[in-house]
C-alpha cells in the first residue's frame, strides 16, 4: 500500500533522486526543443517537456496543476501544434 512520508512538521518529504531525474529530463527537453531544426520533432519534444512538468507538479503535491498541465499542454496543445504543422509546407532550398 502507498504511504506518504511526512517530515516532522507534517509536510510531504521530497524524493531527491526522483526530483533530480525529473529536473534533468525537463532541462534536456527544454534545450533540445529550442536547438532542434525540425519543427515536428520540436513539437514532440515540447509534449515530452509538458509531461515531465506534469510529473514535477504531481511530485510537489499540486495535483490539480499537474492534471491541467497534462490535459491542456501535453494533450491538446501538442495535438493543435501538430495539426498546425500539418497545414504548412516546407520552404524550398533555393
Protein backbone atom coordinates (compact mmCIF):
# COMPACT_ATOMS: atom_id res chain seq x y z
CA UNK A 1 0.00 0.00 0.00
CA UNK A 2 1.17 3.54 -0.78
CA UNK A 3 2.28 5.51 2.24
CA UNK A 4 3.04 9.17 2.17
CA UNK A 5 6.19 10.07 4.08
CA UNK A 6 5.95 13.24 6.13
CA UNK A 7 8.60 15.28 7.88
CA UNK A 8 8.43 16.49 11.49
CA UNK A 9 6.19 19.44 10.54
CA UNK A 10 3.69 17.26 8.67
CA UNK A 11 4.82 18.27 5.18
CA UNK A 12 5.44 15.81 2.38
CA UNK A 13 9.08 14.78 2.06
CA UNK A 14 10.88 15.18 -1.23
CA UNK A 15 12.32 12.18 -3.00
CA UNK A 16 15.56 13.84 -4.03
CA UNK A 17 16.82 11.32 -6.65
CA UNK A 18 13.42 11.30 -8.36
CA UNK A 19 13.27 15.12 -8.33
CA UNK A 20 16.77 15.40 -9.77
CA UNK A 21 16.00 12.92 -12.55
CA UNK A 22 12.84 14.85 -13.44
CA UNK A 23 14.75 18.13 -13.43
CA UNK A 24 17.42 16.69 -15.73
CA UNK A 25 14.76 15.42 -18.16
CA UNK A 26 12.99 18.80 -18.12
CA UNK A 27 16.25 20.62 -18.86
CA UNK A 28 17.18 18.19 -21.65
CA UNK A 29 13.75 18.60 -23.27
CA UNK A 30 13.88 22.40 -22.97
CA UNK A 31 17.34 22.66 -24.53
CA UNK A 32 16.50 20.14 -27.25
CA UNK A 33 13.26 21.91 -28.16
CA UNK A 34 14.98 25.23 -28.77
CA UNK A 35 18.00 23.84 -30.61
CA UNK A 36 16.40 21.28 -32.93
CA UNK A 37 15.73 22.36 -36.52
CA UNK A 38 12.80 20.08 -37.43
CA UNK A 39 9.53 21.62 -36.26
CA UNK A 40 7.66 18.33 -35.80
CA UNK A 41 10.45 17.00 -33.60
CA UNK A 42 10.39 20.23 -31.60
CA UNK A 43 6.64 19.87 -31.03
CA UNK A 44 7.06 16.28 -29.86
CA UNK A 45 9.85 17.31 -27.50
CA UNK A 46 7.65 20.11 -26.13
CA UNK A 47 4.97 17.49 -25.47
CA UNK A 48 7.52 15.44 -23.53
CA UNK A 49 8.56 18.61 -21.68
CA UNK A 50 4.94 19.20 -20.65
CA UNK A 51 4.62 15.59 -19.49
CA UNK A 52 7.73 15.87 -17.31
CA UNK A 53 6.46 19.17 -15.92
CA UNK A 54 3.21 17.36 -15.10
CA UNK A 55 5.19 14.79 -13.13
CA UNK A 56 7.06 17.57 -11.32
CA UNK A 57 3.81 19.30 -10.34
CA UNK A 58 2.42 16.00 -9.06
CA UNK A 59 5.59 15.34 -7.08
CA UNK A 60 5.28 18.77 -5.46
CA UNK A 61 1.73 17.95 -4.39
CA UNK A 62 -0.10 20.23 -6.84
CA UNK A 63 -2.23 17.52 -8.39
CA UNK A 64 -4.75 19.98 -9.87
CA UNK A 65 -1.98 21.86 -11.68
CA UNK A 66 -0.48 18.55 -12.82
CA UNK A 67 -3.82 17.42 -14.24
CA UNK A 68 -4.27 20.72 -16.07
CA UNK A 69 -0.72 20.56 -17.44
CA UNK A 70 -1.27 17.01 -18.67
CA UNK A 71 -4.62 17.63 -20.31
CA UNK A 72 -4.11 21.10 -21.78
CA UNK A 73 -0.42 21.46 -22.54
CA UNK A 74 0.76 17.90 -23.10
CA UNK A 75 -2.50 16.73 -24.65
CA UNK A 76 -4.47 19.37 -26.50
CA UNK A 77 -1.53 21.72 -27.07
CA UNK A 78 0.57 19.07 -28.74
CA UNK A 79 -2.33 17.94 -30.93
CA UNK A 80 -3.07 21.51 -32.03
CA UNK A 81 0.58 22.21 -32.84
CA UNK A 82 0.87 19.00 -34.88
CA UNK A 83 -2.35 19.90 -36.72
CA UNK A 84 -0.99 23.38 -37.47
CA UNK A 85 2.27 21.89 -38.73
CA UNK A 86 0.40 19.50 -41.00
CA UNK A 87 -1.17 22.51 -42.75
CA UNK A 88 2.21 24.08 -43.55
CA UNK A 89 4.67 23.26 -46.29
CA UNK A 90 8.45 23.16 -46.21
CA UNK A 91 10.42 26.00 -47.75
CA UNK A 92 12.40 25.27 -50.86
CA UNK A 93 16.20 25.21 -50.56
CA UNK A 94 16.81 27.95 -53.20
